[in-house]
C-alpha atoms as a PDB file:
ATOM      1  CA  PRO A   1    -102.234-253.440 167.902  1.00  0.00           C
ATOM      2  CA  GLU A   2    -104.736-255.856 169.376  1.00  0.00           C
ATOM      3  CA  VAL A   3    -107.843-254.348 170.717  1.00  0.00           C
ATOM      4  CA  SER A   4    -108.733-256.077 174.006  1.00  0.00           C
ATOM      5  CA  LYS A   5    -104.678-254.988 175.090  1.00  0.00           C
ATOM      6  CA  LEU A   6    -105.949-251.460 174.388  1.00  0.00           C
ATOM      7  CA  GLY A   7    -108.590-251.458 177.149  1.00  0.00           C
ATOM      8  CA  ILE A   8    -111.156-249.394 175.096  1.00  0.00           C
ATOM      9  CA  GLY A   9    -113.702-252.983 174.730  1.00  0.00           C
ATOM     10  CA  ASP A  10    -114.882-254.865 171.624  1.00  0.00           C
ATOM     11  CA  ASP A  11    -116.956-251.926 169.585  1.00  0.00           C
ATOM     12  CA  VAL A  12    -114.168-250.575 168.099  1.00  0.00           C
ATOM     13  CA  TRP A  13    -113.805-251.844 164.633  1.00  0.00           C
ATOM     14  CA  ASN A  14    -110.395-250.429 163.369  1.00  0.00           C
ATOM     15  CA  TRP A  15    -107.450-248.810 164.989  1.00  0.00           C
ATOM     16  CA  TRP A  16    -105.123-246.191 163.663  1.00  0.00           C
ATOM     17  CA  PRO A  17    -102.030-244.992 165.164  1.00  0.00           C
ATOM     18  CA  VAL A  18    -102.167-241.520 166.375  1.00  0.00           C
ATOM     19  CA  SER A  19     -98.834-240.777 164.747  1.00  0.00           C
ATOM     20  CA  ASN A  20    -100.066-241.801 160.919  1.00  0.00           C
ATOM     21  CA  ILE A  21    -102.830-239.028 161.526  1.00  0.00           C
ATOM     22  CA  TYR A  22    -101.258-236.181 162.771  1.00  0.00           C
ATOM     23  CA  ASN A  23     -97.322-237.021 161.976  1.00  0.00           C
ATOM     24  CA  LYS A  24     -97.133-233.877 159.274  1.00  0.00           C
ATOM     25  CA  ILE A  25     -98.650-230.931 159.046  1.00  0.00           C
ATOM     26  CA  LYS A  26    -100.086-229.470 155.606  1.00  0.00           C
ATOM     27  CA  MET A  27     -99.043-226.001 156.705  1.00  0.00           C
ATOM     28  CA  ILE A  28     -98.925-224.216 153.449  1.00  0.00           C
ATOM     29  CA  ASN A  29    -101.814-223.924 151.118  1.00  0.00           C
ATOM     30  CA  ILE A  30    -100.322-224.306 147.694  1.00  0.00           C
ATOM     31  CA  ASN A  31    -103.034-222.889 145.771  1.00  0.00           C
ATOM     32  CA  ASP A  32    -103.277-219.678 147.467  1.00  0.00           C
ATOM     33  CA  PHE A  33     -99.539-219.403 148.031  1.00  0.00           C
ATOM     34  CA  ILE A  34     -98.860-220.202 143.715  1.00  0.00           C
ATOM     35  CA  GLN A  35    -101.242-217.045 143.525  1.00  0.00           C
ATOM     36  CA  LEU A  36     -99.576-214.802 146.084  1.00  0.00           C
ATOM     37  CA  TYR A  37     -96.251-215.875 144.338  1.00  0.00           C
ATOM     38  CA  LYS A  38     -97.543-214.521 140.551  1.00  0.00           C
ATOM     39  CA  SER A  39     -98.838-211.380 142.354  1.00  0.00           C
ATOM     40  CA  TYR A  40     -95.557-210.602 144.599  1.00  0.00           C
ATOM     41  CA  PHE A  41     -93.123-211.699 141.924  1.00  0.00           C
ATOM     42  CA  ARG A  42     -94.708-209.957 138.463  1.00  0.00           C
ATOM     43  CA  LYS A  43     -92.286-207.840 137.882  1.00  0.00           C
ATOM     44  CA  ILE A  44     -89.653-209.865 138.107  1.00  0.00           C
ATOM     45  CA  ASP A  45     -90.918-213.347 136.962  1.00  0.00           C
ATOM     46  CA  LYS A  46     -92.155-212.020 133.378  1.00  0.00           C
ATOM     47  CA  ASN A  47     -91.679-215.714 132.024  1.00  0.00           C
ATOM     48  CA  PHE A  48     -92.735-217.789 135.140  1.00  0.00           C
ATOM     49  CA  SER A  49     -93.793-220.817 133.049  1.00  0.00           C
ATOM     50  CA  GLN A  50     -96.105-224.016 133.783  1.00  0.00           C
ATOM     51  CA  ASN A  51     -92.637-225.925 134.281  1.00  0.00           C
ATOM     52  CA  SER A  52     -91.647-223.510 136.664  1.00  0.00           C
ATOM     53  CA  GLU A  53     -94.530-223.689 138.462  1.00  0.00           C
ATOM     54  CA  ASN A  54     -95.053-227.123 138.662  1.00  0.00           C
ATOM     55  CA  ASN A  55     -91.326-226.735 140.445  1.00  0.00           C
ATOM     56  CA  LEU A  56     -92.318-224.975 142.869  1.00  0.00           C
ATOM     57  CA  ARG A  57     -95.500-226.680 143.652  1.00  0.00           C
ATOM     58  CA  ASP A  58     -93.689-229.897 144.134  1.00  0.00           C
ATOM     59  CA  ILE A  59     -91.213-228.291 146.333  1.00  0.00           C
ATOM     60  CA  LEU A  60     -93.974-226.531 148.556  1.00  0.00           C
ATOM     61  CA  ASN A  61     -95.353-230.241 148.576  1.00  0.00           C
ATOM     62  CA  ASN A  62     -92.206-231.667 149.732  1.00  0.00           C
ATOM     63  CA  ILE A  63     -91.737-228.482 152.720  1.00  0.00           C
ATOM     64  CA  ASN A  64     -95.439-229.562 153.883  1.00  0.00           C
ATOM     65  CA  ASN A  65     -94.229-233.261 153.958  1.00  0.00           C
ATOM     66  CA  TYR A  66     -91.244-232.757 156.056  1.00  0.00           C
ATOM     67  CA  TYR A  67     -92.224-230.582 158.988  1.00  0.00           C
ATOM     68  CA  ASP A  68     -93.566-231.898 161.799  1.00  0.00           C
ATOM     69  CA  THR A  69     -94.374-229.041 164.143  1.00  0.00           C
ATOM     70  CA  LEU A  70     -94.194-225.553 162.574  1.00  0.00           C
ATOM     71  CA  PRO A  71     -90.990-223.828 161.703  1.00  0.00           C
ATOM     72  CA  ASP A  72     -90.083-220.178 161.717  1.00  0.00           C
ATOM     73  CA  LEU A  73     -91.558-218.855 158.895  1.00  0.00           C
ATOM     74  CA  ARG A  74     -88.776-216.251 157.926  1.00  0.00           C
ATOM     75  CA  HIS A  75     -86.427-219.703 157.958  1.00  0.00           C
ATOM     76  CA  LEU A  76     -88.827-220.721 155.351  1.00  0.00           C
ATOM     77  CA  ALA A  77     -88.363-217.791 153.560  1.00  0.00           C
ATOM     78  CA  TYR A  78     -84.885-217.507 152.922  1.00  0.00           C
ATOM     79  CA  MET A  79     -85.143-221.206 152.192  1.00  0.00           C
ATOM     80  CA  LEU A  80     -87.383-220.561 149.251  1.00  0.00           C
ATOM     81  CA  ALA A  81     -85.179-217.044 148.482  1.00  0.00           C
ATOM     82  CA  THR A  82     -82.224-219.309 148.007  1.00  0.00           C
ATOM     83  CA  ALA A  83     -83.866-222.230 145.958  1.00  0.00           C
ATOM     84  CA  ARG A  84     -85.428-219.297 143.191  1.00  0.00           C
ATOM     85  CA  HIS A  85     -81.525-218.255 143.234  1.00  0.00           C
ATOM     86  CA  GLU A  86     -79.701-221.179 143.011  1.00  0.00           C
ATOM     87  CA  ALA A  87     -81.649-223.663 141.183  1.00  0.00           C
ATOM     88  CA  TYR A  88     -82.927-220.961 138.283  1.00  0.00           C
ATOM     89  CA  HIS A  89     -81.690-222.529 134.793  1.00  0.00           C
ATOM     90  CA  PHE A  90     -80.728-220.169 132.573  1.00  0.00           C
ATOM     91  CA  LEU A  91     -80.053-222.179 129.385  1.00  0.00           C
ATOM     92  CA  SER A  92     -84.287-222.813 129.458  1.00  0.00           C
ATOM     93  CA  GLY A  93     -85.391-219.960 132.082  1.00  0.00           C
ATOM     94  CA  GLU A  94     -86.716-222.908 134.055  1.00  0.00           C
ATOM     95  CA  PHE A  95     -87.052-221.767 137.836  1.00  0.00           C
ATOM     96  CA  TYR A  96     -86.602-224.154 140.741  1.00  0.00           C
ATOM     97  CA  SER A  97     -85.313-226.480 138.533  1.00  0.00           C
ATOM     98  CA  ALA A  98     -84.336-229.981 138.902  1.00  0.00           C
ATOM     99  CA  LYS A  99     -81.530-229.440 136.289  1.00  0.00           C
ATOM    100  CA  PRO A 100     -78.180-229.659 137.445  1.00  0.00           C
ATOM    101  CA  GLU A 101     -75.723-226.872 137.404  1.00  0.00           C
ATOM    102  CA  ILE A 102     -74.726-225.659 133.712  1.00  0.00           C
ATOM    103  CA  GLY A 103     -71.467-225.637 132.447  1.00  0.00           C
ATOM    104  CA  LYS A 104     -69.223-227.739 130.625  1.00  0.00           C
ATOM    105  CA  PRO A 105     -66.982-230.460 132.022  1.00  0.00           C
ATOM    106  CA  SER A 106     -63.945-228.467 131.503  1.00  0.00           C
ATOM    107  CA  TYR A 107     -66.134-225.442 133.866  1.00  0.00           C
ATOM    108  CA  PHE A 108     -65.708-227.631 136.294  1.00  0.00           C
ATOM    109  CA  ASN A 109     -62.133-228.158 136.959  1.00  0.00           C
ATOM    110  CA  LYS A 110     -61.900-225.364 139.440  1.00  0.00           C
ATOM    111  CA  TYR A 111     -63.636-228.071 141.780  1.00  0.00           C
ATOM    112  CA  ASP A 112     -61.203-230.819 140.516  1.00  0.00           C
ATOM    113  CA  PRO A 113     -58.106-232.325 142.766  1.00  0.00           C
ATOM    114  CA  VAL A 114     -56.083-233.083 139.462  1.00  0.00           C
ATOM    115  CA  LEU A 115     -57.264-230.346 136.869  1.00  0.00           C
ATOM    116  CA  ALA A 116     -57.667-227.677 139.042  1.00  0.00           C
ATOM    117  CA  SER A 117     -55.529-224.599 137.475  1.00  0.00           C
ATOM    118  CA  THR A 118     -53.727-223.809 140.502  1.00  0.00           C
ATOM    119  CA  GLU A 119     -52.344-225.705 143.935  1.00  0.00           C
ATOM    120  CA  ARG A 120     -54.532-223.692 145.934  1.00  0.00           C
ATOM    121  CA  LEU A 121     -57.813-224.914 144.009  1.00  0.00           C
ATOM    122  CA  ARG A 122     -56.744-228.891 143.995  1.00  0.00           C
ATOM    123  CA  LYS A 123     -55.932-228.808 147.832  1.00  0.00           C
ATOM    124  CA  ARG A 124     -59.789-227.091 148.409  1.00  0.00           C
ATOM    125  CA  ALA A 125     -60.794-230.221 146.255  1.00  0.00           C
ATOM    126  CA  ILE A 126     -59.347-232.652 148.551  1.00  0.00           C
ATOM    127  CA  ARG A 127     -60.437-230.773 151.337  1.00  0.00           C
ATOM    128  CA  ASN A 128     -64.126-231.021 150.421  1.00  0.00           C
ATOM    129  CA  GLY A 129     -64.029-234.630 149.470  1.00  0.00           C
ATOM    130  CA  ASN A 130     -62.818-234.465 145.849  1.00  0.00           C
ATOM    131  CA  ARG A 131     -60.247-236.872 145.541  1.00  0.00           C
ATOM    132  CA  ASN A 132     -60.516-238.593 141.795  1.00  0.00           C
ATOM    133  CA  LYS A 133     -60.131-236.571 138.565  1.00  0.00           C
ATOM    134  CA  GLY A 134     -63.291-235.830 137.383  1.00  0.00           C
ATOM    135  CA  ASP A 135     -65.222-235.408 140.934  1.00  0.00           C
ATOM    136  CA  GLY A 136     -65.249-231.585 140.208  1.00  0.00           C
ATOM    137  CA  PHE A 137     -67.690-232.451 137.197  1.00  0.00           C
ATOM    138  CA  LYS A 138     -69.213-235.586 139.194  1.00  0.00           C
ATOM    139  CA  TYR A 139     -70.284-233.632 142.339  1.00  0.00           C
ATOM    140  CA  ARG A 140     -71.086-230.363 141.034  1.00  0.00           C
ATOM    141  CA  GLY A 141     -74.303-228.099 141.995  1.00  0.00           C
ATOM    142  CA  ARG A 142     -77.596-229.902 142.479  1.00  0.00           C
ATOM    143  CA  GLY A 143     -81.019-229.713 143.988  1.00  0.00           C
ATOM    144  CA  MET A 144     -82.403-226.350 145.598  1.00  0.00           C
ATOM    145  CA  VAL A 145     -79.329-225.413 147.185  1.00  0.00           C
ATOM    146  CA  HIS A 146     -77.061-226.343 144.402  1.00  0.00           C
ATOM    147  CA  LEU A 147     -75.064-229.209 146.483  1.00  0.00           C
ATOM    148  CA  THR A 148     -71.254-229.307 145.684  1.00  0.00           C
ATOM    149  CA  TRP A 149     -68.520-231.676 146.833  1.00  0.00           C
ATOM    150  CA  LYS A 150     -68.373-234.843 147.734  1.00  0.00           C
ATOM    151  CA  ASN A 151     -68.114-234.324 151.367  1.00  0.00           C
ATOM    152  CA  ASN A 152     -71.487-232.942 151.183  1.00  0.00           C
ATOM    153  CA  TYR A 153     -72.665-235.090 148.916  1.00  0.00           C
ATOM    154  CA  LYS A 154     -71.947-238.164 151.832  1.00  0.00           C
ATOM    155  CA  SER A 155     -73.147-236.080 154.278  1.00  0.00           C
ATOM    156  CA  ALA A 156     -76.467-236.033 152.744  1.00  0.00           C
ATOM    157  CA  SER A 157     -76.207-239.763 152.153  1.00  0.00           C
ATOM    158  CA  ASP A 158     -75.790-240.686 155.939  1.00  0.00           C
ATOM    159  CA  TYR A 159     -78.550-238.394 156.833  1.00  0.00           C
ATOM    160  CA  LEU A 160     -80.892-239.585 154.288  1.00  0.00           C
ATOM    161  CA  GLY A 161     -79.857-243.087 154.104  1.00  0.00           C
ATOM    162  CA  VAL A 162     -79.680-242.537 150.044  1.00  0.00           C
ATOM    163  CA  ASP A 163     -76.181-243.388 148.409  1.00  0.00           C
ATOM    164  CA  PHE A 164     -75.583-239.575 146.861  1.00  0.00           C
ATOM    165  CA  VAL A 165     -71.977-240.738 146.384  1.00  0.00           C
ATOM    166  CA  ALA A 166     -72.508-243.517 143.744  1.00  0.00           C
ATOM    167  CA  ASN A 167     -75.408-241.747 142.517  1.00  0.00           C
ATOM    168  CA  PRO A 168     -75.014-237.728 142.444  1.00  0.00           C
ATOM    169  CA  ASP A 169     -78.174-237.316 140.292  1.00  0.00           C
ATOM    170  CA  LEU A 170     -80.522-238.345 142.749  1.00  0.00           C
ATOM    171  CA  ALA A 171     -79.674-235.122 144.857  1.00  0.00           C
ATOM    172  CA  ALA A 172     -81.598-232.753 142.396  1.00  0.00           C
ATOM    173  CA  GLN A 173     -85.078-234.804 142.780  1.00  0.00           C
ATOM    174  CA  TYR A 174     -87.348-233.065 144.901  1.00  0.00           C
ATOM    175  CA  LYS A 175     -88.178-235.736 147.261  1.00  0.00           C
ATOM    176  CA  TYR A 176     -84.471-235.780 148.263  1.00  0.00           C
ATOM    177  CA  ALA A 177     -83.204-231.929 147.176  1.00  0.00           C
ATOM    178  CA  VAL A 178     -86.255-230.147 149.896  1.00  0.00           C
ATOM    179  CA  PRO A 179     -84.831-231.847 152.767  1.00  0.00           C
ATOM    180  CA  ILE A 180     -81.489-231.577 152.328  1.00  0.00           C
ATOM    181  CA  MET A 181     -82.038-228.043 151.582  1.00  0.00           C
ATOM    182  CA  ILE A 182     -84.189-227.621 155.013  1.00  0.00           C
ATOM    183  CA  TRP A 183     -81.401-230.170 156.751  1.00  0.00           C
ATOM    184  CA  GLY A 184     -78.432-227.956 155.669  1.00  0.00           C
ATOM    185  CA  MET A 185     -79.019-224.744 156.168  1.00  0.00           C
ATOM    186  CA  GLU A 186     -80.611-225.539 159.886  1.00  0.00           C
ATOM    187  CA  LYS A 187     -78.086-227.277 160.992  1.00  0.00           C
ATOM    188  CA  GLY A 188     -75.020-225.514 158.965  1.00  0.00           C
ATOM    189  CA  VAL A 189     -73.916-228.277 157.180  1.00  0.00           C
ATOM    190  CA  PHE A 190     -72.399-226.298 153.922  1.00  0.00           C
ATOM    191  CA  THR A 191     -70.570-223.782 155.435  1.00  0.00           C
ATOM    192  CA  GLY A 192     -70.688-224.027 159.020  1.00  0.00           C
ATOM    193  CA  LYS A 193     -72.960-221.293 159.156  1.00  0.00           C
ATOM    194  CA  LYS A 194     -76.962-222.164 159.883  1.00  0.00           C
ATOM    195  CA  LEU A 195     -80.258-220.359 159.658  1.00  0.00           C
ATOM    196  CA  SER A 196     -80.504-219.496 163.479  1.00  0.00           C
ATOM    197  CA  ASP A 197     -77.237-217.544 163.114  1.00  0.00           C
ATOM    198  CA  TYR A 198     -79.197-215.163 161.526  1.00  0.00           C
ATOM    199  CA  ILE A 199     -82.826-215.310 161.820  1.00  0.00           C
ATOM    200  CA  ASN A 200     -83.996-215.958 165.264  1.00  0.00           C
ATOM    201  CA  ASP A 201     -85.959-214.093 168.628  1.00  0.00           C
ATOM    202  CA  ASN A 202     -83.628-211.226 168.233  1.00  0.00           C
ATOM    203  CA  LYS A 203     -82.458-210.136 164.612  1.00  0.00           C
ATOM    204  CA  CYS A 204     -83.668-211.110 161.369  1.00  0.00           C
ATOM    205  CA  ASP A 205     -80.546-210.779 158.791  1.00  0.00           C
ATOM    206  CA  TYR A 206     -81.339-212.114 155.675  1.00  0.00           C
ATOM    207  CA  ASN A 207     -78.386-210.376 154.247  1.00  0.00           C
ATOM    208  CA  GLY A 208     -75.980-211.504 156.451  1.00  0.00           C
ATOM    209  CA  ALA A 209     -77.737-215.298 155.597  1.00  0.00           C
ATOM    210  CA  ARG A 210     -76.282-215.629 152.949  1.00  0.00           C
ATOM    211  CA  ARG A 211     -72.978-216.968 154.517  1.00  0.00           C
ATOM    212  CA  ILE A 212     -74.925-220.272 154.841  1.00  0.00           C
ATOM    213  CA  ILE A 213     -74.588-221.405 151.104  1.00  0.00           C
ATOM    214  CA  ASN A 214     -71.889-218.511 149.446  1.00  0.00           C
ATOM    215  CA  GLY A 215     -70.448-215.894 151.285  1.00  0.00           C
ATOM    216  CA  GLN A 216     -72.173-212.487 150.529  1.00  0.00           C
ATOM    217  CA  ASP A 217     -72.629-213.625 146.836  1.00  0.00           C
ATOM    218  CA  GLN A 218     -75.848-211.594 145.564  1.00  0.00           C
ATOM    219  CA  LYS A 219     -77.082-210.965 149.509  1.00  0.00           C
ATOM    220  CA  GLU A 220     -79.074-207.827 148.436  1.00  0.00           C
ATOM    221  CA  LEU A 221     -81.160-209.452 145.917  1.00  0.00           C
ATOM    222  CA  ILE A 222     -81.777-212.955 147.600  1.00  0.00           C
ATOM    223  CA  ALA A 223     -82.793-211.127 150.572  1.00  0.00           C
ATOM    224  CA  SER A 224     -85.275-209.142 148.592  1.00  0.00           C
ATOM    225  CA  TYR A 225     -86.682-212.378 147.887  1.00  0.00           C
ATOM    226  CA  ALA A 226     -86.820-213.233 151.153  1.00  0.00           C
ATOM    227  CA  ASN A 227     -88.663-210.872 152.176  1.00  0.00           C
ATOM    228  CA  LYS A 228     -91.738-211.288 149.499  1.00  0.00           C
ATOM    229  CA  PHE A 229     -91.358-215.064 150.603  1.00  0.00           C
ATOM    230  CA  GLU A 230     -92.186-213.787 154.130  1.00  0.00           C
ATOM    231  CA  GLN A 231     -95.422-211.933 153.237  1.00  0.00           C
ATOM    232  CA  ILE A 232     -96.595-214.682 151.167  1.00  0.00           C
ATOM    233  CA  LEU A 233     -95.880-217.657 154.253  1.00  0.00           C
ATOM    234  CA  LYS A 234     -97.625-215.569 156.437  1.00  0.00           C
ATOM    235  CA  GLU A 235    -100.659-214.906 154.311  1.00  0.00           C
ATOM    236  CA  THR A 236    -101.087-218.704 153.093  1.00  0.00           C
ATOM    237  CA  VAL A 237     -99.524-221.004 156.247  1.00  0.00           C
ATOM    238  CA  LYS A 238    -102.734-222.236 158.195  1.00  0.00           C
END
């Protein structure tokens, strides 16, 4: 805007909108977080590689870039716990990986509207937007929550304005995968269950929160990660 229209005199030589300065909060001290992470997870992440560390740094940086106000740290803890579990790449031993879900194309036939082995599975695929042969493999798990099904790729496209339907591999890039994780888990996009259903002013049910992603699969294990992340965040968030 023109200085004369602001009513603040002619001595002002530069003007930065407040929104440009304060629109994001760099809440997580990433270096401190990484050091504490290595301490808390040292017994179970014995092969925590430099690639894995770089991946985690990317995730934390994108979390910092996402929020305008401080979120519930327990929500963040459970999201990070989910990412640690879902985005582990078994073949390379890489944590928080941007690589897609592992498996030969035939493994994903269970998500395919044509190639699935039963009518029930084929109908499930169609309900979730996979309508063409090969969609099971095309819309396999990617990103921090292993985004699956064409409908979910379409919802993410609508949210971020990026065509993940035509370019599903984009959903694995951290700049998109982290916002998809936060939005999807906060809003209940993936299963209809959301973080506030299980983590709110009255309770913190890390076991039950697994329903946000995948029923009760490995719920205790992921809850144990969330407890560690909660402690790390309490010590590293400004």
